[in-house]
Amino acid sequence: MSDEKVYMLANLKINDKETYHIYEKGFFPILKKYGGEFVTYDDSVETFEGSTPLEGRAVIFSFPSPEKAREWFNDPEYQELSIHRRAAAELKNLSMIKSLPARK
């Protein structure tokens, strides 16, 4: 298993706040189960340049390794919970970003 920390970037447009709140309440315990840490979120991201600006909410969280991120995403409990996210929001992307490699 790799010990390379990874960051997750989610960009979504929330259409049903009540249903999304159900997702939010269940998200954090499952995140912690895989060593994940919540970093931040922003509902008004400012894009300075680029043809595909982030829209809606941007969420950043991390995991201690790519394997833990994949385990979290594939967890049956998370997939069941994500039904609420899928019903409440349009997910633009969910991306894994690796940490900088160690300098030699």
N, C-alpha and C. Protein backbone atom coordinates (compact mmCIF):
# COMPACT_ATOMS: atom_id res chain seq x y z
N MET A 1 0.84 -1.18 0.00
CA MET A 1 0.00 0.00 0.00
C MET A 1 0.88 1.24 0.00
N SER A 2 0.48 2.22 -0.76
CA SER A 2 1.20 3.49 -0.85
C SER A 2 0.90 4.35 0.37
N ASP A 3 1.88 5.13 0.79
CA ASP A 3 1.62 6.08 1.88
C ASP A 3 1.60 7.50 1.34
N GLU A 4 1.24 7.63 0.09
CA GLU A 4 1.17 8.92 -0.59
C GLU A 4 -0.20 9.55 -0.35
N LYS A 5 -0.22 10.65 0.38
CA LYS A 5 -1.47 11.35 0.65
C LYS A 5 -2.07 11.84 -0.66
N VAL A 6 -3.41 11.75 -0.75
CA VAL A 6 -4.11 12.24 -1.92
C VAL A 6 -5.21 13.20 -1.49
N TYR A 7 -5.54 14.08 -2.37
CA TYR A 7 -6.62 15.04 -2.15
C TYR A 7 -7.74 14.76 -3.14
N MET A 8 -8.95 14.92 -2.68
CA MET A 8 -10.12 14.74 -3.52
C MET A 8 -10.74 16.11 -3.76
N LEU A 9 -11.10 16.37 -5.00
CA LEU A 9 -11.79 17.60 -5.36
C LEU A 9 -13.12 17.20 -5.97
N ALA A 10 -14.19 17.65 -5.35
CA ALA A 10 -15.54 17.41 -5.88
C ALA A 10 -16.14 18.76 -6.27
N ASN A 11 -16.78 18.78 -7.41
CA ASN A 11 -17.48 19.99 -7.86
C ASN A 11 -18.90 19.58 -8.21
N LEU A 12 -19.86 20.20 -7.55
CA LEU A 12 -21.25 19.83 -7.77
C LEU A 12 -22.17 21.02 -7.64
N LYS A 13 -23.31 20.89 -8.25
CA LYS A 13 -24.35 21.92 -8.17
C LYS A 13 -25.52 21.32 -7.40
N ILE A 14 -25.79 21.86 -6.22
CA ILE A 14 -26.84 21.34 -5.35
C ILE A 14 -28.18 21.91 -5.80
N ASN A 15 -29.13 21.01 -6.06
CA ASN A 15 -30.46 21.41 -6.49
C ASN A 15 -31.52 21.20 -5.42
N ASP A 16 -31.25 20.33 -4.46
CA ASP A 16 -32.21 20.00 -3.38
C ASP A 16 -31.44 19.97 -2.07
N LYS A 17 -31.46 21.08 -1.34
CA LYS A 17 -30.65 21.21 -0.12
C LYS A 17 -31.05 20.22 0.97
N GLU A 18 -32.34 19.93 1.11
CA GLU A 18 -32.79 19.01 2.15
C GLU A 18 -32.26 17.59 1.91
N THR A 19 -32.36 17.12 0.70
CA THR A 19 -31.87 15.78 0.38
C THR A 19 -30.34 15.74 0.47
N TYR A 20 -29.68 16.81 0.04
CA TYR A 20 -28.22 16.85 0.13
C TYR A 20 -27.77 16.84 1.59
N HIS A 21 -28.55 17.43 2.47
CA HIS A 21 -28.21 17.45 3.90
C HIS A 21 -28.18 16.03 4.47
N ILE A 22 -29.04 15.15 3.98
CA ILE A 22 -29.01 13.74 4.40
C ILE A 22 -27.65 13.15 4.04
N TYR A 23 -27.18 13.44 2.83
CA TYR A 23 -25.87 12.97 2.38
C TYR A 23 -24.76 13.53 3.27
N GLU A 24 -24.80 14.83 3.53
CA GLU A 24 -23.76 15.46 4.35
C GLU A 24 -23.66 14.82 5.72
N LYS A 25 -24.78 14.54 6.35
CA LYS A 25 -24.78 13.97 7.70
C LYS A 25 -24.12 12.60 7.73
N GLY A 26 -24.29 11.81 6.69
CA GLY A 26 -23.70 10.48 6.65
C GLY A 26 -22.28 10.45 6.10
N PHE A 27 -21.87 11.51 5.42
CA PHE A 27 -20.58 11.56 4.75
C PHE A 27 -19.40 11.48 5.72
N PHE A 28 -19.43 12.26 6.77
CA PHE A 28 -18.27 12.40 7.64
C PHE A 28 -17.88 11.12 8.38
N PRO A 29 -18.82 10.34 8.92
CA PRO A 29 -18.41 9.08 9.56
C PRO A 29 -17.74 8.11 8.58
N ILE A 30 -18.23 8.05 7.35
CA ILE A 30 -17.63 7.14 6.37
C ILE A 30 -16.26 7.67 5.94
N LEU A 31 -16.12 8.97 5.80
CA LEU A 31 -14.84 9.58 5.48
C LEU A 31 -13.79 9.20 6.52
N LYS A 32 -14.15 9.35 7.80
CA LYS A 32 -13.22 9.05 8.89
C LYS A 32 -12.86 7.57 8.95
N LYS A 33 -13.79 6.71 8.57
CA LYS A 33 -13.57 5.25 8.56
C LYS A 33 -12.35 4.88 7.71
N TYR A 34 -12.04 5.68 6.70
CA TYR A 34 -10.92 5.41 5.80
C TYR A 34 -9.75 6.38 6.02
N GLY A 35 -9.73 7.03 7.18
CA GLY A 35 -8.64 7.94 7.50
C GLY A 35 -8.74 9.26 6.75
N GLY A 36 -9.90 9.54 6.19
CA GLY A 36 -10.08 10.77 5.43
C GLY A 36 -10.21 11.99 6.32
N GLU A 37 -9.83 13.12 5.79
CA GLU A 37 -9.93 14.40 6.50
C GLU A 37 -10.61 15.42 5.60
N PHE A 38 -11.58 16.11 6.16
CA PHE A 38 -12.25 17.19 5.44
C PHE A 38 -11.34 18.41 5.47
N VAL A 39 -11.15 19.06 4.33
CA VAL A 39 -10.28 20.25 4.25
C VAL A 39 -11.14 21.51 4.20
N THR A 40 -11.99 21.64 3.19
CA THR A 40 -12.82 22.84 3.07
C THR A 40 -13.87 22.66 1.99
N TYR A 41 -14.79 23.61 1.95
CA TYR A 41 -15.73 23.69 0.83
C TYR A 41 -15.99 25.15 0.55
N ASP A 42 -16.48 25.45 -0.64
CA ASP A 42 -16.78 26.83 -1.02
C ASP A 42 -17.95 26.81 -2.00
N ASP A 43 -18.95 27.61 -1.72
CA ASP A 43 -20.11 27.71 -2.60
C ASP A 43 -19.98 28.85 -3.60
N SER A 44 -18.89 29.57 -3.56
CA SER A 44 -18.71 30.69 -4.50
C SER A 44 -17.26 30.74 -4.98
N VAL A 45 -16.83 29.68 -5.64
CA VAL A 45 -15.47 29.59 -6.16
C VAL A 45 -15.26 30.67 -7.22
N GLU A 46 -14.13 31.30 -7.17
CA GLU A 46 -13.79 32.32 -8.17
C GLU A 46 -12.76 31.75 -9.13
N THR A 47 -13.13 31.64 -10.39
CA THR A 47 -12.23 31.12 -11.42
C THR A 47 -11.56 32.29 -12.12
N PHE A 48 -10.25 32.30 -12.16
CA PHE A 48 -9.51 33.38 -12.78
C PHE A 48 -9.27 33.15 -14.27
N GLU A 49 -9.17 31.89 -14.66
CA GLU A 49 -8.84 31.61 -16.06
C GLU A 49 -9.28 30.19 -16.39
N GLY A 50 -9.58 29.94 -17.64
CA GLY A 50 -9.93 28.59 -18.09
C GLY A 50 -11.29 28.55 -18.74
N SER A 51 -11.47 27.55 -19.58
CA SER A 51 -12.71 27.45 -20.33
C SER A 51 -13.81 26.67 -19.61
N THR A 52 -13.45 25.97 -18.52
CA THR A 52 -14.45 25.21 -17.76
C THR A 52 -14.36 25.59 -16.29
N PRO A 53 -14.99 26.70 -15.91
CA PRO A 53 -14.91 27.14 -14.51
C PRO A 53 -15.69 26.20 -13.59
N LEU A 54 -15.26 26.12 -12.34
CA LEU A 54 -16.01 25.36 -11.35
C LEU A 54 -17.33 26.07 -11.13
N GLU A 55 -18.40 25.30 -10.99
CA GLU A 55 -19.71 25.86 -10.74
C GLU A 55 -20.28 25.27 -9.47
N GLY A 56 -21.05 26.03 -8.73
CA GLY A 56 -21.70 25.51 -7.54
C GLY A 56 -20.72 25.34 -6.40
N ARG A 57 -20.73 24.17 -5.79
CA ARG A 57 -19.90 23.90 -4.61
C ARG A 57 -18.64 23.13 -5.00
N ALA A 58 -17.53 23.55 -4.44
CA ALA A 58 -16.28 22.81 -4.54
C ALA A 58 -15.96 22.28 -3.14
N VAL A 59 -15.61 21.01 -3.05
CA VAL A 59 -15.29 20.37 -1.78
C VAL A 59 -13.92 19.74 -1.90
N ILE A 60 -13.08 19.93 -0.89
CA ILE A 60 -11.75 19.33 -0.86
C ILE A 60 -11.62 18.51 0.42
N PHE A 61 -11.20 17.25 0.25
CA PHE A 61 -10.92 16.39 1.39
C PHE A 61 -9.74 15.50 1.02
N SER A 62 -9.19 14.79 1.98
CA SER A 62 -7.97 14.02 1.70
C SER A 62 -8.06 12.62 2.31
N PHE A 63 -7.17 11.76 1.81
CA PHE A 63 -7.00 10.41 2.34
C PHE A 63 -5.51 10.14 2.47
N PRO A 64 -5.13 9.22 3.35
CA PRO A 64 -3.71 8.93 3.53
C PRO A 64 -3.06 8.21 2.36
N SER A 65 -3.86 7.66 1.45
CA SER A 65 -3.30 6.94 0.30
C SER A 65 -4.35 6.82 -0.80
N PRO A 66 -3.90 6.58 -2.03
CA PRO A 66 -4.86 6.35 -3.12
C PRO A 66 -5.74 5.13 -2.84
N GLU A 67 -5.17 4.10 -2.22
CA GLU A 67 -5.93 2.90 -1.92
C GLU A 67 -7.09 3.20 -0.98
N LYS A 68 -6.84 4.02 0.05
CA LYS A 68 -7.90 4.38 1.00
C LYS A 68 -8.99 5.19 0.29
N ALA A 69 -8.60 6.05 -0.63
CA ALA A 69 -9.60 6.83 -1.38
C ALA A 69 -10.48 5.89 -2.21
N ARG A 70 -9.87 4.92 -2.85
CA ARG A 70 -10.65 3.96 -3.66
C ARG A 70 -11.54 3.10 -2.79
N GLU A 71 -11.02 2.67 -1.63
CA GLU A 71 -11.82 1.87 -0.69
C GLU A 71 -13.03 2.67 -0.23
N TRP A 72 -12.82 3.95 0.10
CA TRP A 72 -13.93 4.82 0.52
C TRP A 72 -14.99 4.89 -0.58
N PHE A 73 -14.56 5.18 -1.80
CA PHE A 73 -15.51 5.36 -2.90
C PHE A 73 -16.28 4.07 -3.17
N ASN A 74 -15.62 2.93 -3.07
CA ASN A 74 -16.26 1.65 -3.37
C ASN A 74 -16.98 1.01 -2.18
N ASP A 75 -16.92 1.64 -1.03
CA ASP A 75 -17.58 1.12 0.16
C ASP A 75 -19.10 1.04 -0.10
N PRO A 76 -19.71 -0.11 0.13
CA PRO A 76 -21.16 -0.24 -0.10
C PRO A 76 -21.99 0.76 0.71
N GLU A 77 -21.55 1.07 1.93
CA GLU A 77 -22.26 2.05 2.75
C GLU A 77 -22.20 3.43 2.10
N TYR A 78 -21.01 3.79 1.57
CA TYR A 78 -20.90 5.08 0.89
C TYR A 78 -21.74 5.10 -0.38
N GLN A 79 -21.70 4.04 -1.14
CA GLN A 79 -22.48 4.00 -2.38
C GLN A 79 -23.98 4.11 -2.08
N GLU A 80 -24.43 3.49 -1.01
CA GLU A 80 -25.84 3.62 -0.60
C GLU A 80 -26.15 5.06 -0.22
N LEU A 81 -25.26 5.68 0.56
CA LEU A 81 -25.45 7.07 0.96
C LEU A 81 -25.43 8.00 -0.25
N SER A 82 -24.58 7.72 -1.21
CA SER A 82 -24.43 8.63 -2.36
C SER A 82 -25.68 8.70 -3.23
N ILE A 83 -26.62 7.80 -3.02
CA ILE A 83 -27.91 7.90 -3.71
C ILE A 83 -28.55 9.25 -3.42
N HIS A 84 -28.39 9.73 -2.18
CA HIS A 84 -28.96 11.03 -1.79
C HIS A 84 -28.24 12.17 -2.51
N ARG A 85 -26.91 12.05 -2.64
CA ARG A 85 -26.16 13.09 -3.37
C ARG A 85 -26.59 13.12 -4.82
N ARG A 86 -26.70 11.93 -5.40
CA ARG A 86 -27.08 11.86 -6.82
C ARG A 86 -28.47 12.42 -7.05
N ALA A 87 -29.37 12.23 -6.09
CA ALA A 87 -30.74 12.75 -6.22
C ALA A 87 -30.79 14.26 -6.00
N ALA A 88 -29.86 14.78 -5.21
CA ALA A 88 -29.92 16.19 -4.80
C ALA A 88 -29.02 17.12 -5.58
N ALA A 89 -28.03 16.57 -6.28
CA ALA A 89 -27.02 17.43 -6.89
C ALA A 89 -26.53 16.86 -8.21
N GLU A 90 -26.07 17.77 -9.05
CA GLU A 90 -25.43 17.39 -10.31
C GLU A 90 -23.92 17.41 -10.06
N LEU A 91 -23.30 16.24 -10.09
CA LEU A 91 -21.86 16.15 -9.86
C LEU A 91 -21.14 16.48 -11.16
N LYS A 92 -20.33 17.53 -11.13
CA LYS A 92 -19.53 17.90 -12.31
C LYS A 92 -18.31 17.01 -12.41
N ASN A 93 -17.65 16.76 -11.27
CA ASN A 93 -16.52 15.84 -11.25
C ASN A 93 -16.15 15.50 -9.82
N LEU A 94 -15.49 14.37 -9.68
CA LEU A 94 -14.88 13.94 -8.43
C LEU A 94 -13.51 13.43 -8.84
N SER A 95 -12.47 14.14 -8.44
CA SER A 95 -11.12 13.85 -8.92
C SER A 95 -10.16 13.61 -7.76
N MET A 96 -9.22 12.68 -7.97
CA MET A 96 -8.17 12.40 -7.00
C MET A 96 -6.89 13.07 -7.48
N ILE A 97 -6.27 13.82 -6.58
CA ILE A 97 -5.04 14.56 -6.90
C ILE A 97 -3.95 14.07 -5.95
N LYS A 98 -2.87 13.56 -6.50
CA LYS A 98 -1.79 13.03 -5.68
C LYS A 98 -0.92 14.15 -5.11
N SER A 99 -0.32 13.84 -3.96
CA SER A 99 0.62 14.79 -3.33
C SER A 99 1.87 14.90 -4.18
N LEU A 100 2.64 15.93 -3.92
CA LEU A 100 3.93 16.08 -4.59
C LEU A 100 4.82 14.90 -4.22
N PRO A 101 5.59 14.38 -5.16
CA PRO A 101 6.51 13.29 -4.83
C PRO A 101 7.62 13.84 -3.91
N ALA A 102 8.18 12.92 -3.12
CA ALA A 102 9.28 13.31 -2.24
C ALA A 102 10.46 13.79 -3.08
N ARG A 103 11.11 14.86 -2.62
CA ARG A 103 12.29 15.37 -3.33
C ARG A 103 13.50 14.55 -2.93
N LYS A 104 14.36 14.33 -3.91
CA LYS A 104 15.57 13.54 -3.63
C LYS A 104 16.77 14.43 -3.55
